[in-house]
C-alpha atoms as a PDB file:
ATOM      1  CA  UNK A   1      -0.170   0.191  -0.180  1.00  0.00           C
ATOM      2  CA  UNK A   2       1.271   3.318  -0.458  1.00  0.00           C
ATOM      3  CA  UNK A   3       2.422   5.775   2.065  1.00  0.00           C
ATOM      4  CA  UNK A   4       2.244   9.763   1.238  1.00  0.00           C
ATOM      5  CA  UNK A   5       5.358  11.042   0.321  1.00  0.00           C
ATOM      6  CA  UNK A   6       7.562  12.442   2.776  1.00  0.00           C
ATOM      7  CA  UNK A   7       8.561  15.385   0.575  1.00  0.00           C
ATOM      8  CA  UNK A   8       4.929  16.755   0.949  1.00  0.00           C
ATOM      9  CA  UNK A   9       3.895  18.742   3.814  1.00  0.00           C
ATOM     10  CA  UNK A  10       2.725  16.590   6.499  1.00  0.00           C
ATOM     11  CA  UNK A  11      -0.155  18.425   8.190  1.00  0.00           C
ATOM     12  CA  UNK A  12      -3.311  20.741   6.284  1.00  0.00           C
ATOM     13  CA  UNK A  13      -3.198  24.395   6.864  1.00  0.00           C
ATOM     14  CA  UNK A  14      -5.716  25.424   9.969  1.00  0.00           C
ATOM     15  CA  UNK A  15      -7.585  27.476   7.577  1.00  0.00           C
ATOM     16  CA  UNK A  16      -9.187  25.120   5.579  1.00  0.00           C
ATOM     17  CA  UNK A  17      -9.348  21.649   7.419  1.00  0.00           C
ATOM     18  CA  UNK A  18     -12.655  20.359   7.779  1.00  0.00           C
ATOM     19  CA  UNK A  19     -13.550  17.195   8.863  1.00  0.00           C
ATOM     20  CA  UNK A  20     -17.225  14.971   8.796  1.00  0.00           C
ATOM     21  CA  UNK A  21     -17.849  12.128  11.343  1.00  0.00           C
ATOM     22  CA  UNK A  22     -19.971   9.088   9.633  1.00  0.00           C
ATOM     23  CA  UNK A  23     -23.131   9.301   8.840  1.00  0.00           C
ATOM     24  CA  UNK A  24     -24.421   5.465   9.890  1.00  0.00           C
ATOM     25  CA  UNK A  25     -27.751   6.290  10.616  1.00  0.00           C
ATOM     26  CA  UNK A  26     -31.394   5.499   8.600  1.00  0.00           C
ATOM     27  CA  UNK A  27     -34.106   7.300   9.878  1.00  0.00           C
ATOM     28  CA  UNK A  28     -37.069   6.176   8.595  1.00  0.00           C
ATOM     29  CA  UNK A  29     -40.502   8.569   9.295  1.00  0.00           C
ATOM     30  CA  UNK A  30     -43.455   7.750  10.814  1.00  0.00           C
ATOM     31  CA  UNK A  31     -47.395   8.531  10.429  1.00  0.00           C
ATOM     32  CA  UNK A  32     -47.649   9.068  14.244  1.00  0.00           C
ATOM     33  CA  UNK A  33     -44.434   9.630  16.773  1.00  0.00           C
ATOM     34  CA  UNK A  34     -40.784   9.952  16.621  1.00  0.00           C
ATOM     35  CA  UNK A  35     -38.844   8.295  14.073  1.00  0.00           C
ATOM     36  CA  UNK A  36     -37.410   5.001  13.611  1.00  0.00           C
ATOM     37  CA  UNK A  37     -33.628   5.149  13.590  1.00  0.00           C
ATOM     38  CA  UNK A  38     -31.185   2.552  13.512  1.00  0.00           C
ATOM     39  CA  UNK A  39     -27.458   1.908  12.318  1.00  0.00           C
ATOM     40  CA  UNK A  40     -26.973   1.372   9.019  1.00  0.00           C
ATOM     41  CA  UNK A  41     -23.280  -0.149   9.526  1.00  0.00           C
ATOM     42  CA  UNK A  42     -21.044  -0.293  12.387  1.00  0.00           C
ATOM     43  CA  UNK A  43     -18.231   2.232  11.143  1.00  0.00           C
ATOM     44  CA  UNK A  44     -18.307   4.503   8.447  1.00  0.00           C
ATOM     45  CA  UNK A  45     -16.232   6.348   5.836  1.00  0.00           C
ATOM     46  CA  UNK A  46     -15.027   9.965   7.585  1.00  0.00           C
ATOM     47  CA  UNK A  47     -14.528  13.055   4.960  1.00  0.00           C
ATOM     48  CA  UNK A  48     -12.033  15.282   5.531  1.00  0.00           C
ATOM     49  CA  UNK A  49     -11.029  18.647   3.470  1.00  0.00           C
ATOM     50  CA  UNK A  50      -7.766  19.320   3.662  1.00  0.00           C
ATOM     51  CA  UNK A  51      -5.890  22.666   2.645  1.00  0.00           C
ATOM     52  CA  UNK A  52      -2.107  22.681   2.137  1.00  0.00           C
ATOM     53  CA  UNK A  53       0.790  25.366   1.047  1.00  0.00           C
ATOM     54  CA  UNK A  54       2.882  23.388  -1.697  1.00  0.00           C
ATOM     55  CA  UNK A  55       6.045  24.391  -3.850  1.00  0.00           C
ATOM     56  CA  UNK A  56       5.711  23.842  -7.822  1.00  0.00           C
ATOM     57  CA  UNK A  57       7.919  20.698  -6.679  1.00  0.00           C
ATOM     58  CA  UNK A  58       5.362  19.735  -4.438  1.00  0.00           C
ATOM     59  CA  UNK A  59       2.636  20.250  -6.479  1.00  0.00           C
ATOM     60  CA  UNK A  60       5.008  18.081  -9.476  1.00  0.00           C
ATOM     61  CA  UNK A  61       5.553  15.256  -6.356  1.00  0.00           C
ATOM     62  CA  UNK A  62       1.358  15.048  -5.500  1.00  0.00           C
ATOM     63  CA  UNK A  63       0.446  14.772  -9.597  1.00  0.00           C
ATOM     64  CA  UNK A  64       2.871  12.065  -9.506  1.00  0.00           C
ATOM     65  CA  UNK A  65       1.213  10.300  -6.182  1.00  0.00           C
ATOM     66  CA  UNK A  66      -2.145  10.883  -7.291  1.00  0.00           C
ATOM     67  CA  UNK A  67      -2.423  10.143 -10.974  1.00  0.00           C
ATOM     68  CA  UNK A  68       0.501   7.147 -10.572  1.00  0.00           C
ATOM     69  CA  UNK A  69       0.365   5.749  -7.143  1.00  0.00           C
ATOM     70  CA  UNK A  70      -2.882   5.803  -6.155  1.00  0.00           C
ATOM     71  CA  UNK A  71      -3.997   5.221  -9.649  1.00  0.00           C
ATOM     72  CA  UNK A  72      -6.223   8.546 -10.186  1.00  0.00           C
ATOM     73  CA  UNK A  73      -7.450   8.393  -6.187  1.00  0.00           C
ATOM     74  CA  UNK A  74      -8.835   4.713  -6.460  1.00  0.00           C
ATOM     75  CA  UNK A  75      -6.154   3.423  -4.589  1.00  0.00           C
ATOM     76  CA  UNK A  76      -5.727   3.729  -0.351  1.00  0.00           C
ATOM     77  CA  UNK A  77      -2.597   5.050   1.000  1.00  0.00           C
ATOM     78  CA  UNK A  78      -1.289   5.786   4.346  1.00  0.00           C
ATOM     79  CA  UNK A  79      -1.487   9.089   5.850  1.00  0.00           C
ATOM     80  CA  UNK A  80      -1.497  10.599   9.958  1.00  0.00           C
ATOM     81  CA  UNK A  81      -4.762  11.685  11.018  1.00  0.00           C
ATOM     82  CA  UNK A  82      -4.221  15.563  11.404  1.00  0.00           C
ATOM     83  CA  UNK A  83      -6.365  15.897  14.504  1.00  0.00           C
ATOM     84  CA  UNK A  84      -5.348  12.971  16.019  1.00  0.00           C
ATOM     85  CA  UNK A  85      -1.652  12.584  14.893  1.00  0.00           C
ATOM     86  CA  UNK A  86      -2.404   8.371  14.304  1.00  0.00           C
ATOM     87  CA  UNK A  87      -1.491   6.595  10.758  1.00  0.00           C
ATOM     88  CA  UNK A  88      -3.918   5.297   9.147  1.00  0.00           C
ATOM     89  CA  UNK A  89      -3.722   2.460   6.301  1.00  0.00           C
ATOM     90  CA  UNK A  90      -7.079   3.713   4.874  1.00  0.00           C
ATOM     91  CA  UNK A  91      -7.194   6.971   2.943  1.00  0.00           C
ATOM     92  CA  UNK A  92      -8.165   7.622  -0.426  1.00  0.00           C
ATOM     93  CA  UNK A  93      -9.017  10.392  -2.514  1.00  0.00           C
ATOM     94  CA  UNK A  94     -12.268  11.804  -3.011  1.00  0.00           C
ATOM     95  CA  UNK A  95     -11.515  13.913  -5.701  1.00  0.00           C
ATOM     96  CA  UNK A  96      -8.720  15.236  -7.999  1.00  0.00           C
ATOM     97  CA  UNK A  97      -6.154  18.012  -5.769  1.00  0.00           C
ATOM     98  CA  UNK A  98      -7.546  21.827  -6.604  1.00  0.00           C
ATOM     99  CA  UNK A  99      -4.693  24.185  -7.213  1.00  0.00           C
ATOM    100  CA  UNK A 100      -5.010  27.782  -6.557  1.00  0.00           C
ATOM    101  CA  UNK A 101      -1.474  30.197  -7.517  1.00  0.00           C
ATOM    102  CA  UNK A 102      -0.457  32.371  -4.397  1.00  0.00           C
ATOM    103  CA  UNK A 103       2.334  34.103  -6.089  1.00  0.00           C
ATOM    104  CA  UNK A 104       3.823  31.892  -9.280  1.00  0.00           C
ATOM    105  CA  UNK A 105       5.782  29.686  -7.389  1.00  0.00           C
ATOM    106  CA  UNK A 106       3.557  28.388  -4.462  1.00  0.00           C
ATOM    107  CA  UNK A 107       0.060  26.781  -4.779  1.00  0.00           C
ATOM    108  CA  UNK A 108      -2.973  26.195  -2.174  1.00  0.00           C
ATOM    109  CA  UNK A 109      -3.661  22.681  -2.473  1.00  0.00           C
ATOM    110  CA  UNK A 110      -7.041  21.695  -1.750  1.00  0.00           C
ATOM    111  CA  UNK A 111      -7.576  17.838  -1.347  1.00  0.00           C
ATOM    112  CA  UNK A 112     -10.696  15.658  -0.031  1.00  0.00           C
ATOM    113  CA  UNK A 113     -10.037  12.851   1.529  1.00  0.00           C
ATOM    114  CA  UNK A 114     -12.012   9.556   3.394  1.00  0.00           C
ATOM    115  CA  UNK A 115     -10.725   7.563   5.797  1.00  0.00           C
ATOM    116  CA  UNK A 116     -12.395   4.660   5.119  1.00  0.00           C
ATOM    117  CA  UNK A 117     -13.177   1.722   8.421  1.00  0.00           C
END
């Protein structure tokens, strides 16, 4: 399994970071009374949106990591959880990275990831 490249930033920027807990519930509306609620699964997918500041060289490394190493984002990789610091072997991209030029030499890169159960 691939590992997040060591030459890439290891922590996202605080601004632009968000994390969403898994939604594992199924809710059924009743004609009267409270909704029925049950768990859909025992574990779920945790979603992240992360923003990184990267140099041109790091952007090129990320492009290779995304397109080649993870097969266009289809394959899993290990990454340190930005909140807990725990390394997990089940991250996957949720879409292609998005780049915004900061000054021509540096880019703000926004990446969506999911932590699989």
